[in-house]
Amino acid sequence: MNEIEVDVAVIGAGTAGMAAFRAARLAGVNAVLIESGELGTTCARVGCMPSKLLLAAANGLHDAHALAPRGIEGTHALEADYAHVLDYVRRERDYFVKGVLEEIDALPDGLLLRGQARFESATRLTVGEATRVQAKGIVIATGAAPTVPDELKVFGDKLVTSDDLFELRTLPKRIAVFGTGPIALELGQALARLGVEIFMFGKGGGVAALTDKPVRDALAAALADEFYFDPEAKFDEMSLRDDKPFLRFKSADGEAHAETFDLVLAATGRAPNLEPLALQNAGIELNGKGVPLFDETTMQCGQSTIFVAGDCDGTRPWLHDAADEGKLAGDNAARFPDVQSVKRKVPFSIVFSEPQVAIVGASYDNLDKQMTVTGEASFENQGRSRVMRQNRGLLHVYADAKTGKLRGAQGCGPAMEHLGHLLAWALQLELTLDDALKLPFYHPVVEEGLRGALKDADRKCYEERSETPPALASAAGC
């Protein structure tokens, strides 16, 4: 065995791992980075960036076709060259991956260890078959991988995951998509807008992690206008017939269906990559799913010298949080035992479907409904949204009924990636509804929809207190 002693060992070279490694080195300690799989981060290689590239191509085609009602002729003749689209996605994806690889290539020799890490003890790892690492602090940042439900494995080589999709050389005519979460919605809608016939199936009625039913229903209705969408699918048969996936099921209205597909896409979520680590040797407490218990303000596992960051911790599966967690974990692993806690940023997620989805702040399920007012704004008649022909969706904002302090929001609609940021900033700054409504809103913009939701919540707050709301300047009613 090649024996190495370091201050900090970081397991995983994804977004969280790279952030932890950088933080440890900036703290002035001796650190190594360990990776057993492909380099390049989940975001750049198979996640955020290739999915948005595919969506951009698909939305470009969709938007071009949408010009016909505006009097622009000849737009329906446009169609997607699948091989060319996928080649473009891979080439641009590789550009983003290249940036990550260049950073890793620039590391001094000996700082990147290649091989599967396993715990021998709380401070000792084996890497592959020939290296042992003794570390004062360890950061687990091994990411997550697609999960495939057992019942889908009947489809054999006709089954692909989100990690596989971007390596296809062309696209078939019909794809069954399993999953109604963020990954499924983005990829499924992109495929549909490129001209693939899509059937999307979910379980239990969940859509895009939304827990506010009216918002969830508004999104489901918009998606169902584009492709077959069933978030509560009931199947009588899943099989291969003549080497093609076959599904027999009933739709929500009770109508029986028997459909044959060319391919099945499993986009049913991702699970932490932890099993190979032999965590039973690490001396830390695990939850029922085998994920380390940790303090999210420090990323420390119990009182140990082990820290966790990124998708493998099973909490906030978003790149910005992975980067924050990695930096925090790396800092604290380097400074142990002087572990510092931080106030975490407001939880914030976006789904880049159309309508887009934003979920900000406190979970709707966790709010005290008796002490919460909900402000509502529909985008059906919102001026700028109608101009853009994107007038679908619903926004709910939540505030404390007594103080008017913003608590959270869930919405689907146009430009939610931007409205979500405004809401996240407002929550981070602990603004009240009155505070937010004193800020400027231009006309005509989609943000006026946000103002409408804030005003609705503000009115309800004053009604709860039996008070008259202050006069607030209002622009044109669009």
Protein backbone atom coordinates (compact mmCIF):
# COMPACT_ATOMS: atom_id res chain seq x y z
CA MET A 1 0.00 0.00 0.00
CA ASN A 2 1.08 3.54 -0.85
CA GLU A 3 0.59 5.45 2.44
CA ILE A 4 -0.43 9.14 2.35
CA GLU A 5 -1.06 11.51 5.26
CA VAL A 6 -3.08 14.68 4.68
CA ASP A 7 -5.07 17.23 6.62
CA VAL A 8 -8.22 16.93 4.47
CA ALA A 9 -9.37 14.24 2.03
CA VAL A 10 -12.30 15.13 -0.23
CA ILE A 11 -14.19 12.19 -1.77
CA GLY A 12 -15.80 13.25 -5.02
CA ALA A 13 -14.74 15.75 -7.69
CA GLY A 14 -18.16 17.16 -8.53
CA THR A 15 -19.43 20.65 -7.76
CA ALA A 16 -19.50 20.12 -3.98
CA GLY A 17 -16.22 18.22 -3.90
CA MET A 18 -14.37 20.80 -5.97
CA ALA A 19 -15.70 23.59 -3.75
CA ALA A 20 -14.61 21.70 -0.62
CA PHE A 21 -11.17 21.00 -2.06
CA ARG A 22 -10.65 24.65 -3.04
CA ALA A 23 -11.77 25.83 0.41
CA ALA A 24 -9.42 23.45 2.20
CA ARG A 25 -6.47 24.52 0.09
CA LEU A 26 -7.31 28.21 0.55
CA ALA A 27 -7.31 27.55 4.29
CA GLY A 28 -3.67 26.55 3.88
CA VAL A 29 -3.91 22.85 4.68
CA ASN A 30 -2.68 19.80 2.79
CA ALA A 31 -5.62 18.28 0.86
CA VAL A 32 -6.26 15.56 -1.71
CA LEU A 33 -9.20 15.06 -4.07
CA ILE A 34 -10.44 11.51 -4.69
CA GLU A 35 -12.60 10.45 -7.67
CA SER A 36 -13.50 7.02 -9.02
CA GLY A 37 -15.76 8.00 -11.92
CA GLU A 38 -15.77 10.37 -14.86
CA LEU A 39 -14.48 13.85 -14.20
CA GLY A 40 -16.49 16.89 -15.21
CA THR A 41 -19.30 17.29 -12.60
CA THR A 42 -22.88 16.06 -12.88
CA CYS A 43 -24.06 19.57 -13.80
CA ALA A 44 -21.75 19.97 -16.77
CA ARG A 45 -21.75 16.39 -18.04
CA VAL A 46 -25.29 15.01 -17.61
CA GLY A 47 -27.33 17.54 -15.62
CA CYS A 48 -27.97 21.28 -15.75
CA MET A 49 -26.10 22.21 -18.90
CA PRO A 50 -26.97 19.48 -21.45
CA SER A 51 -30.61 19.51 -20.34
CA LYS A 52 -30.81 23.29 -20.86
CA LEU A 53 -29.09 22.95 -24.23
CA LEU A 54 -31.69 20.41 -25.33
CA LEU A 55 -34.47 22.65 -23.99
CA ALA A 56 -33.05 25.69 -25.79
CA ALA A 57 -33.11 23.85 -29.13
CA ALA A 58 -36.61 22.51 -28.51
CA ASN A 59 -37.99 25.86 -27.33
CA GLY A 60 -36.47 27.57 -30.35
CA LEU A 61 -38.44 25.26 -32.64
CA HIS A 62 -41.58 25.63 -30.53
CA ASP A 63 -41.33 29.44 -30.50
CA ALA A 64 -40.80 29.53 -34.25
CA HIS A 65 -43.97 27.50 -34.79
CA ALA A 66 -45.78 29.86 -32.40
CA LEU A 67 -45.12 32.76 -34.81
CA ALA A 68 -47.80 31.55 -37.25
CA PRO A 69 -50.72 32.95 -35.17
CA ARG A 70 -48.93 36.32 -35.26
CA GLY A 71 -48.98 36.35 -39.06
CA ILE A 72 -45.44 35.10 -39.69
CA GLU A 73 -45.74 32.64 -42.59
CA GLY A 74 -43.81 29.45 -43.34
CA THR A 75 -42.92 28.61 -39.75
CA HIS A 76 -44.64 25.19 -39.74
CA ALA A 77 -42.16 23.89 -42.32
CA LEU A 78 -39.40 23.90 -39.72
CA GLU A 79 -38.48 20.54 -38.18
CA ALA A 80 -35.74 19.10 -36.00
CA ASP A 81 -32.82 17.10 -37.38
CA TYR A 82 -32.43 14.82 -34.35
CA ALA A 83 -28.88 13.72 -35.09
CA HIS A 84 -27.78 17.33 -35.58
CA VAL A 85 -29.57 18.53 -32.42
CA LEU A 86 -27.98 15.83 -30.26
CA ASP A 87 -24.56 16.43 -31.78
CA TYR A 88 -24.92 20.14 -31.01
CA VAL A 89 -25.93 19.38 -27.41
CA ARG A 90 -22.90 17.12 -26.92
CA ARG A 91 -20.47 19.61 -28.45
CA GLU A 92 -21.71 22.45 -26.28
CA ARG A 93 -21.87 20.13 -23.25
CA ASP A 94 -18.24 19.21 -23.83
CA TYR A 95 -17.35 22.91 -23.76
CA PHE A 96 -18.66 23.18 -20.20
CA VAL A 97 -17.00 19.90 -19.18
CA LYS A 98 -13.70 21.13 -20.64
CA GLY A 99 -13.63 24.04 -18.21
CA VAL A 100 -13.87 21.66 -15.26
CA LEU A 101 -11.24 19.31 -16.68
CA GLU A 102 -8.83 22.19 -17.23
CA GLU A 103 -9.08 23.13 -13.56
CA ILE A 104 -8.34 19.55 -12.52
CA ASP A 105 -5.50 19.19 -15.04
CA ALA A 106 -3.86 22.27 -13.51
CA LEU A 107 -3.58 20.63 -10.09
CA PRO A 108 -0.08 19.75 -8.89
CA ASP A 109 0.86 16.07 -9.17
CA GLY A 110 -0.39 13.88 -6.36
CA LEU A 111 -3.42 15.97 -5.35
CA LEU A 112 -5.90 13.95 -7.45
CA LEU A 113 -6.25 10.29 -6.49
CA ARG A 114 -8.16 8.03 -8.89
CA GLY A 115 -10.06 5.08 -7.46
CA GLN A 116 -12.96 4.06 -5.25
CA ALA A 117 -12.65 5.37 -1.69
CA ARG A 118 -13.68 3.18 1.25
CA PHE A 119 -13.60 3.94 4.94
CA GLU A 120 -11.36 1.76 7.08
CA SER A 121 -12.02 4.04 10.08
CA ALA A 122 -13.19 7.57 10.76
CA THR A 123 -9.81 8.95 9.69
CA ARG A 124 -8.50 6.34 7.26
CA LEU A 125 -9.48 5.55 3.68
CA THR A 126 -8.37 3.07 1.07
CA VAL A 127 -8.41 4.34 -2.50
CA GLY A 128 -8.54 1.60 -5.10
CA GLU A 129 -6.31 -1.34 -4.30
CA ALA A 130 -2.98 0.37 -3.76
CA THR A 131 -3.39 3.57 -1.72
CA ARG A 132 -4.23 4.28 1.91
CA VAL A 133 -5.00 7.84 3.04
CA GLN A 134 -4.77 8.96 6.65
CA ALA A 135 -6.71 12.23 7.03
CA LYS A 136 -7.47 14.53 9.93
CA GLY A 137 -10.71 15.56 8.22
CA ILE A 138 -12.78 13.94 5.47
CA VAL A 139 -15.44 15.48 3.21
CA ILE A 140 -17.94 13.12 1.57
CA ALA A 141 -19.13 14.71 -1.69
CA THR A 142 -19.94 11.71 -3.87
CA GLY A 143 -23.05 13.11 -5.56
CA ALA A 144 -26.07 11.13 -6.69
CA ALA A 145 -27.02 8.78 -9.52
CA PRO A 146 -30.28 8.06 -11.39
CA THR A 147 -32.63 5.58 -9.74
CA VAL A 148 -34.49 3.01 -11.81
CA PRO A 149 -37.60 1.38 -10.27
CA ASP A 150 -37.48 -2.41 -10.46
CA GLU A 151 -40.70 -2.60 -12.49
CA LEU A 152 -39.08 -0.65 -15.35
CA LYS A 153 -36.16 -3.05 -15.71
CA VAL A 154 -38.39 -5.33 -17.80
CA PHE A 155 -37.66 -3.01 -20.74
CA GLY A 156 -34.00 -4.08 -20.88
CA ASP A 157 -31.91 -2.20 -23.42
CA LYS A 158 -34.95 -0.14 -24.43
CA LEU A 159 -34.68 1.66 -21.09
CA VAL A 160 -32.47 4.74 -20.69
CA THR A 161 -31.88 7.20 -17.85
CA SER A 162 -31.28 10.93 -17.98
CA ASP A 163 -27.55 10.16 -17.89
CA ASP A 164 -27.87 8.07 -21.08
CA LEU A 165 -30.16 10.33 -23.10
CA PHE A 166 -27.55 12.78 -24.33
CA GLU A 167 -25.44 9.97 -25.80
CA LEU A 168 -28.19 8.87 -28.21
CA ARG A 169 -27.28 9.47 -31.85
CA THR A 170 -30.88 10.14 -32.85
CA LEU A 171 -34.35 10.15 -31.32
CA PRO A 172 -37.15 7.65 -31.93
CA LYS A 173 -40.77 8.52 -32.76
CA ARG A 174 -42.35 7.56 -29.42
CA ILE A 175 -40.94 7.65 -25.88
CA ALA A 176 -42.62 6.80 -22.56
CA VAL A 177 -41.25 9.01 -19.80
CA PHE A 178 -41.52 7.78 -16.21
CA GLY A 179 -41.34 10.53 -13.62
CA THR A 180 -43.02 13.91 -13.19
CA GLY A 181 -40.27 15.64 -11.24
CA PRO A 182 -37.97 18.41 -12.50
CA ILE A 183 -35.72 16.15 -14.61
CA ALA A 184 -38.65 14.38 -16.25
CA LEU A 185 -40.52 17.61 -17.02
CA GLU A 186 -37.55 19.34 -18.60
CA LEU A 187 -36.44 16.40 -20.72
CA GLY A 188 -39.95 15.22 -21.58
CA GLN A 189 -41.12 18.62 -22.74
CA ALA A 190 -37.92 19.16 -24.72
CA LEU A 191 -38.44 15.86 -26.53
CA ALA A 192 -42.10 16.69 -27.19
CA ARG A 193 -41.23 20.09 -28.63
CA LEU A 194 -38.66 18.47 -30.90
CA GLY A 195 -41.45 16.36 -32.38
CA VAL A 196 -41.18 13.11 -30.41
CA GLU A 197 -44.53 11.70 -29.26
CA ILE A 198 -44.33 11.68 -25.47
CA PHE A 199 -46.39 9.91 -22.83
CA MET A 200 -45.41 11.01 -19.30
CA PHE A 201 -46.36 8.98 -16.23
CA GLY A 202 -45.99 9.66 -12.51
CA LYS A 203 -47.02 8.18 -9.18
CA GLY A 204 -49.18 9.68 -6.45
CA GLY A 205 -50.03 12.87 -8.32
CA GLY A 206 -46.81 14.76 -7.57
CA VAL A 207 -45.63 17.27 -10.17
CA ALA A 208 -42.32 19.21 -10.07
CA ALA A 209 -42.06 18.86 -6.26
CA LEU A 210 -44.94 21.34 -5.88
CA THR A 211 -46.98 20.86 -2.71
CA ASP A 212 -49.46 23.69 -3.28
CA LYS A 213 -52.32 21.90 -5.07
CA PRO A 214 -53.77 24.80 -7.12
CA VAL A 215 -50.30 25.66 -8.43
CA ARG A 216 -49.60 22.00 -9.15
CA ASP A 217 -52.93 21.63 -10.98
CA ALA A 218 -52.23 24.73 -13.08
CA LEU A 219 -48.89 23.29 -14.17
CA ALA A 220 -50.36 19.86 -14.89
CA ALA A 221 -53.09 21.41 -17.06
CA ALA A 222 -50.56 23.39 -19.08
CA LEU A 223 -48.35 20.34 -19.66
CA ALA A 224 -51.32 18.16 -20.62
CA ASP A 225 -52.06 20.59 -23.46
CA GLU A 226 -48.70 19.63 -25.04
CA PHE A 227 -48.44 15.86 -24.48
CA TYR A 228 -50.07 12.93 -22.68
CA PHE A 229 -49.54 13.64 -19.00
CA ASP A 230 -50.70 11.38 -16.18
CA PRO A 231 -49.18 12.00 -12.72
CA GLU A 232 -51.27 9.19 -11.18
CA ALA A 233 -50.76 6.40 -13.68
CA LYS A 234 -52.29 2.97 -13.07
CA PHE A 235 -50.77 0.15 -15.13
CA ASP A 236 -52.19 -3.25 -15.98
CA GLU A 237 -49.18 -4.39 -17.98
CA MET A 238 -45.56 -3.43 -18.64
CA SER A 239 -43.70 -5.69 -21.04
CA LEU A 240 -41.67 -6.04 -24.20
CA ARG A 241 -43.61 -7.07 -27.30
CA ASP A 242 -41.65 -7.73 -30.46
CA ASP A 243 -38.69 -6.03 -28.73
CA LYS A 244 -40.70 -2.86 -28.13
CA PRO A 245 -41.89 -1.48 -24.78
CA PHE A 246 -45.62 -2.09 -24.32
CA LEU A 247 -47.86 -0.42 -21.72
CA ARG A 248 -51.47 -1.15 -20.85
CA PHE A 249 -52.98 1.48 -18.55
CA LYS A 250 -56.05 3.52 -17.69
CA SER A 251 -56.14 7.30 -17.90
CA ALA A 252 -57.64 9.49 -15.19
CA ASP A 253 -61.05 9.39 -16.90
CA GLY A 254 -61.03 5.57 -16.83
CA GLU A 255 -60.31 5.12 -20.55
CA ALA A 256 -58.20 2.04 -21.31
CA HIS A 257 -55.01 2.46 -23.35
CA ALA A 258 -52.62 0.01 -24.98
CA GLU A 259 -49.51 1.75 -26.34
CA THR A 260 -46.24 0.62 -27.90
CA PHE A 261 -43.11 2.75 -27.66
CA ASP A 262 -39.63 2.80 -29.15
CA LEU A 263 -37.89 3.76 -25.90
CA VAL A 264 -38.56 4.26 -22.19
CA LEU A 265 -36.90 7.11 -20.28
CA ALA A 266 -36.61 6.61 -16.51
CA ALA A 267 -36.42 10.08 -14.98
CA THR A 268 -37.61 9.07 -11.53
CA GLY A 269 -35.04 10.93 -9.47
CA ARG A 270 -31.51 10.45 -8.17
CA ALA A 271 -30.20 8.76 -5.03
CA PRO A 272 -27.01 9.47 -3.03
CA ASN A 273 -23.86 7.63 -4.16
CA LEU A 274 -22.86 6.27 -0.76
CA GLU A 275 -23.00 2.48 -0.81
CA PRO A 276 -19.41 1.86 -2.01
CA LEU A 277 -17.95 3.96 0.82
CA ALA A 278 -18.36 1.33 3.57
CA LEU A 279 -19.80 3.98 5.88
CA GLN A 280 -20.33 1.35 8.57
CA ASN A 281 -16.61 1.76 9.29
CA ALA A 282 -16.77 5.54 9.62
CA GLY A 283 -18.30 5.61 13.09
CA ILE A 284 -21.03 8.10 12.15
CA GLU A 285 -24.80 7.84 12.54
CA LEU A 286 -26.88 7.17 9.42
CA ASN A 287 -30.58 7.70 8.73
CA GLY A 288 -32.93 4.99 7.49
CA LYS A 289 -31.73 5.50 3.91
CA GLY A 290 -28.07 5.11 4.80
CA VAL A 291 -27.33 8.84 4.54
CA PRO A 292 -25.14 10.44 7.25
CA LEU A 293 -26.90 12.58 9.84
CA PHE A 294 -25.36 16.04 9.81
CA ASP A 295 -25.80 19.64 10.92
CA GLU A 296 -26.72 21.69 7.86
CA THR A 297 -25.22 24.84 9.43
CA THR A 298 -21.75 23.22 9.59
CA MET A 299 -22.10 20.09 7.37
CA GLN A 300 -20.48 18.12 10.23
CA CYS A 301 -21.58 14.54 10.89
CA GLY A 302 -22.21 14.44 14.62
CA GLN A 303 -19.06 15.44 16.52
CA SER A 304 -16.79 13.62 14.08
CA THR A 305 -14.10 14.89 11.73
CA ILE A 306 -16.29 13.81 8.80
CA PHE A 307 -18.33 16.31 6.80
CA VAL A 308 -20.81 15.85 3.95
CA ALA A 309 -21.77 18.11 1.04
CA GLY A 310 -23.81 18.16 -2.15
CA ASP A 311 -26.36 15.77 -3.59
CA CYS A 312 -25.12 12.84 -1.49
CA ASP A 313 -26.56 14.41 1.68
CA GLY A 314 -30.10 13.96 0.37
CA THR A 315 -31.38 17.45 1.18
CA ARG A 316 -30.95 20.29 -1.35
CA PRO A 317 -30.21 18.78 -4.79
CA TRP A 318 -29.27 22.06 -6.50
CA LEU A 319 -25.90 23.19 -7.78
CA HIS A 320 -25.81 26.52 -5.90
CA ASP A 321 -26.40 24.67 -2.63
CA ALA A 322 -23.83 22.00 -3.53
CA ALA A 323 -21.24 24.73 -4.02
CA ASP A 324 -22.19 26.44 -0.75
CA GLU A 325 -22.18 23.17 1.18
CA GLY A 326 -18.85 22.15 -0.31
CA LYS A 327 -17.18 25.42 0.68
CA LEU A 328 -18.64 25.19 4.19
CA ALA A 329 -17.59 21.54 4.59
CA GLY A 330 -14.09 22.20 3.25
CA ASP A 331 -13.61 25.22 5.51
CA ASN A 332 -14.71 23.32 8.60
CA ALA A 333 -12.74 20.18 7.80
CA ALA A 334 -9.63 22.36 7.47
CA ARG A 335 -10.24 24.30 10.71
CA PHE A 336 -11.40 21.35 12.87
CA PRO A 337 -11.99 21.39 15.83
CA ASP A 338 -12.83 25.10 15.43
CA VAL A 339 -16.00 24.32 13.46
CA GLN A 340 -18.00 27.39 12.44
CA SER A 341 -21.74 27.47 11.73
CA VAL A 342 -23.43 29.68 9.13
CA LYS A 343 -26.95 30.79 8.38
CA ARG A 344 -27.95 28.90 5.23
CA LYS A 345 -29.46 30.67 2.24
CA VAL A 346 -33.18 30.51 1.59
CA PRO A 347 -34.17 27.21 -0.11
CA PHE A 348 -34.78 27.96 -3.79
CA SER A 349 -35.41 25.71 -6.79
CA ILE A 350 -36.43 26.23 -10.41
CA VAL A 351 -37.76 23.89 -13.07
CA PHE A 352 -37.05 25.11 -16.60
CA SER A 353 -40.16 23.67 -18.20
CA GLU A 354 -42.76 25.96 -19.76
CA PRO A 355 -44.50 27.18 -17.69
CA GLN A 356 -41.41 27.47 -15.51
CA VAL A 357 -41.64 26.50 -11.84
CA ALA A 358 -40.19 28.26 -8.78
CA ILE A 359 -40.31 27.04 -5.18
CA VAL A 360 -38.89 29.46 -2.62
CA GLY A 361 -38.57 29.51 1.13
CA ALA A 362 -40.56 27.50 3.64
CA SER A 363 -42.26 24.37 2.39
CA TYR A 364 -45.99 24.95 1.93
CA ASP A 365 -46.69 21.74 3.86
CA ASN A 366 -44.76 23.04 6.88
CA LEU A 367 -46.51 26.40 7.16
CA ASP A 368 -49.01 27.03 9.93
CA LYS A 369 -52.08 27.54 7.73
CA GLN A 370 -53.94 29.36 10.53
CA MET A 371 -51.16 31.94 10.70
CA THR A 372 -50.46 32.25 6.97
CA VAL A 373 -52.07 34.29 4.22
CA THR A 374 -51.69 33.31 0.58
CA GLY A 375 -51.53 35.93 -2.14
CA GLU A 376 -52.49 34.77 -5.60
CA ALA A 377 -51.82 35.95 -9.14
CA SER A 378 -52.91 34.22 -12.33
CA PHE A 379 -50.91 34.77 -15.50
CA GLU A 380 -53.89 34.02 -17.77
CA ASN A 381 -54.67 37.74 -18.27
CA GLN A 382 -51.36 39.27 -17.19
CA GLY A 383 -50.41 41.83 -19.83
CA ARG A 384 -46.78 41.06 -20.69
CA SER A 385 -47.41 37.32 -20.43
CA ARG A 386 -50.21 37.59 -22.99
CA VAL A 387 -48.01 39.66 -25.30
CA MET A 388 -45.44 36.85 -25.20
CA ARG A 389 -48.19 34.22 -25.68
CA GLN A 390 -47.02 32.59 -22.44
CA ASN A 391 -50.06 33.47 -20.34
CA ARG A 392 -50.38 30.22 -18.42
CA GLY A 393 -49.78 29.58 -14.76
CA LEU A 394 -50.41 30.61 -11.17
CA LEU A 395 -48.28 32.19 -8.44
CA HIS A 396 -48.89 31.88 -4.69
CA VAL A 397 -46.88 33.85 -2.13
CA TYR A 398 -47.10 33.07 1.60
CA ALA A 399 -46.77 35.56 4.43
CA ASP A 400 -47.27 35.66 8.19
CA ALA A 401 -50.84 36.76 8.80
CA LYS A 402 -49.92 39.02 11.72
CA THR A 403 -46.62 40.58 10.69
CA GLY A 404 -46.81 40.38 6.89
CA LYS A 405 -43.33 38.85 6.79
CA LEU A 406 -42.75 36.79 3.65
CA ARG A 407 -42.43 33.06 4.29
CA GLY A 408 -42.25 31.46 0.86
CA ALA A 409 -43.79 31.02 -2.57
CA GLN A 410 -44.68 28.41 -5.16
CA GLY A 411 -45.56 29.25 -8.71
CA CYS A 412 -45.62 28.20 -12.32
CA GLY A 413 -45.65 30.68 -15.14
CA PRO A 414 -43.49 32.72 -17.50
CA ALA A 415 -40.10 34.04 -16.33
CA MET A 416 -40.31 32.17 -13.02
CA GLU A 417 -36.52 31.89 -13.01
CA HIS A 418 -36.47 35.68 -12.55
CA LEU A 419 -39.50 36.06 -10.27
CA GLY A 420 -38.07 33.27 -8.12
CA HIS A 421 -34.85 35.21 -7.65
CA LEU A 422 -36.72 38.34 -6.59
CA LEU A 423 -38.70 36.32 -4.06
CA ALA A 424 -35.60 34.49 -2.78
CA TRP A 425 -33.81 37.81 -2.27
CA ALA A 426 -36.85 39.28 -0.51
CA LEU A 427 -37.00 36.29 1.86
CA GLN A 428 -33.25 36.37 2.46
CA LEU A 429 -33.56 40.06 3.40
CA GLU A 430 -36.55 39.21 5.65
CA LEU A 431 -38.85 41.70 3.93
CA THR A 432 -42.50 42.13 4.77
CA LEU A 433 -45.21 42.49 2.14
CA ASP A 434 -45.27 46.26 2.76
CA ASP A 435 -41.49 46.40 2.27
CA ALA A 436 -41.69 44.53 -1.03
CA LEU A 437 -44.57 46.62 -2.34
CA LYS A 438 -42.59 49.84 -1.82
CA LEU A 439 -40.04 48.61 -4.38
CA PRO A 440 -40.35 49.68 -8.05
CA PHE A 441 -42.22 47.62 -10.66
CA TYR A 442 -41.94 48.64 -14.30
CA HIS A 443 -44.77 48.36 -16.86
CA PRO A 444 -45.39 46.21 -18.82
CA VAL A 445 -43.39 43.35 -17.33
CA VAL A 446 -44.12 39.87 -15.99
CA GLU A 447 -43.00 41.11 -12.56
CA GLU A 448 -46.33 42.91 -12.32
CA GLY A 449 -47.81 39.47 -11.74
CA LEU A 450 -45.61 39.14 -8.68
CA ARG A 451 -46.79 42.55 -7.49
CA GLY A 452 -50.38 41.36 -7.88
CA ALA A 453 -49.72 38.34 -5.64
CA LEU A 454 -47.99 40.53 -3.04
CA LYS A 455 -50.89 43.01 -3.03
CA ASP A 456 -53.40 40.19 -2.65
CA ALA A 457 -51.50 38.79 0.35
CA ASP A 458 -51.10 42.28 1.83
CA ARG A 459 -54.83 42.95 1.61
CA LYS A 460 -55.54 39.64 3.37
CA CYS A 461 -53.06 40.49 6.12
CA TYR A 462 -54.83 43.76 6.87
CA GLU A 463 -58.19 42.00 6.79
CA GLU A 464 -56.85 39.51 9.37
CA ARG A 465 -55.92 42.46 11.59
CA SER A 466 -59.13 44.36 10.79
CA GLU A 467 -57.04 47.27 9.59
CA THR A 468 -57.05 49.41 6.46
CA PRO A 469 -54.02 48.87 4.20
CA PRO A 470 -51.85 51.91 3.43
CA ALA A 471 -52.35 53.56 0.06
CA LEU A 472 -49.95 51.97 -2.43
CA ALA A 473 -49.14 53.50 -5.79
CA SER A 474 -50.30 51.30 -8.66
CA ALA A 475 -49.43 51.36 -12.33
CA ALA A 476 -51.72 50.38 -15.17
CA GLY A 477 -53.75 47.26 -14.38
CA CYS A 478 -51.88 44.82 -16.57
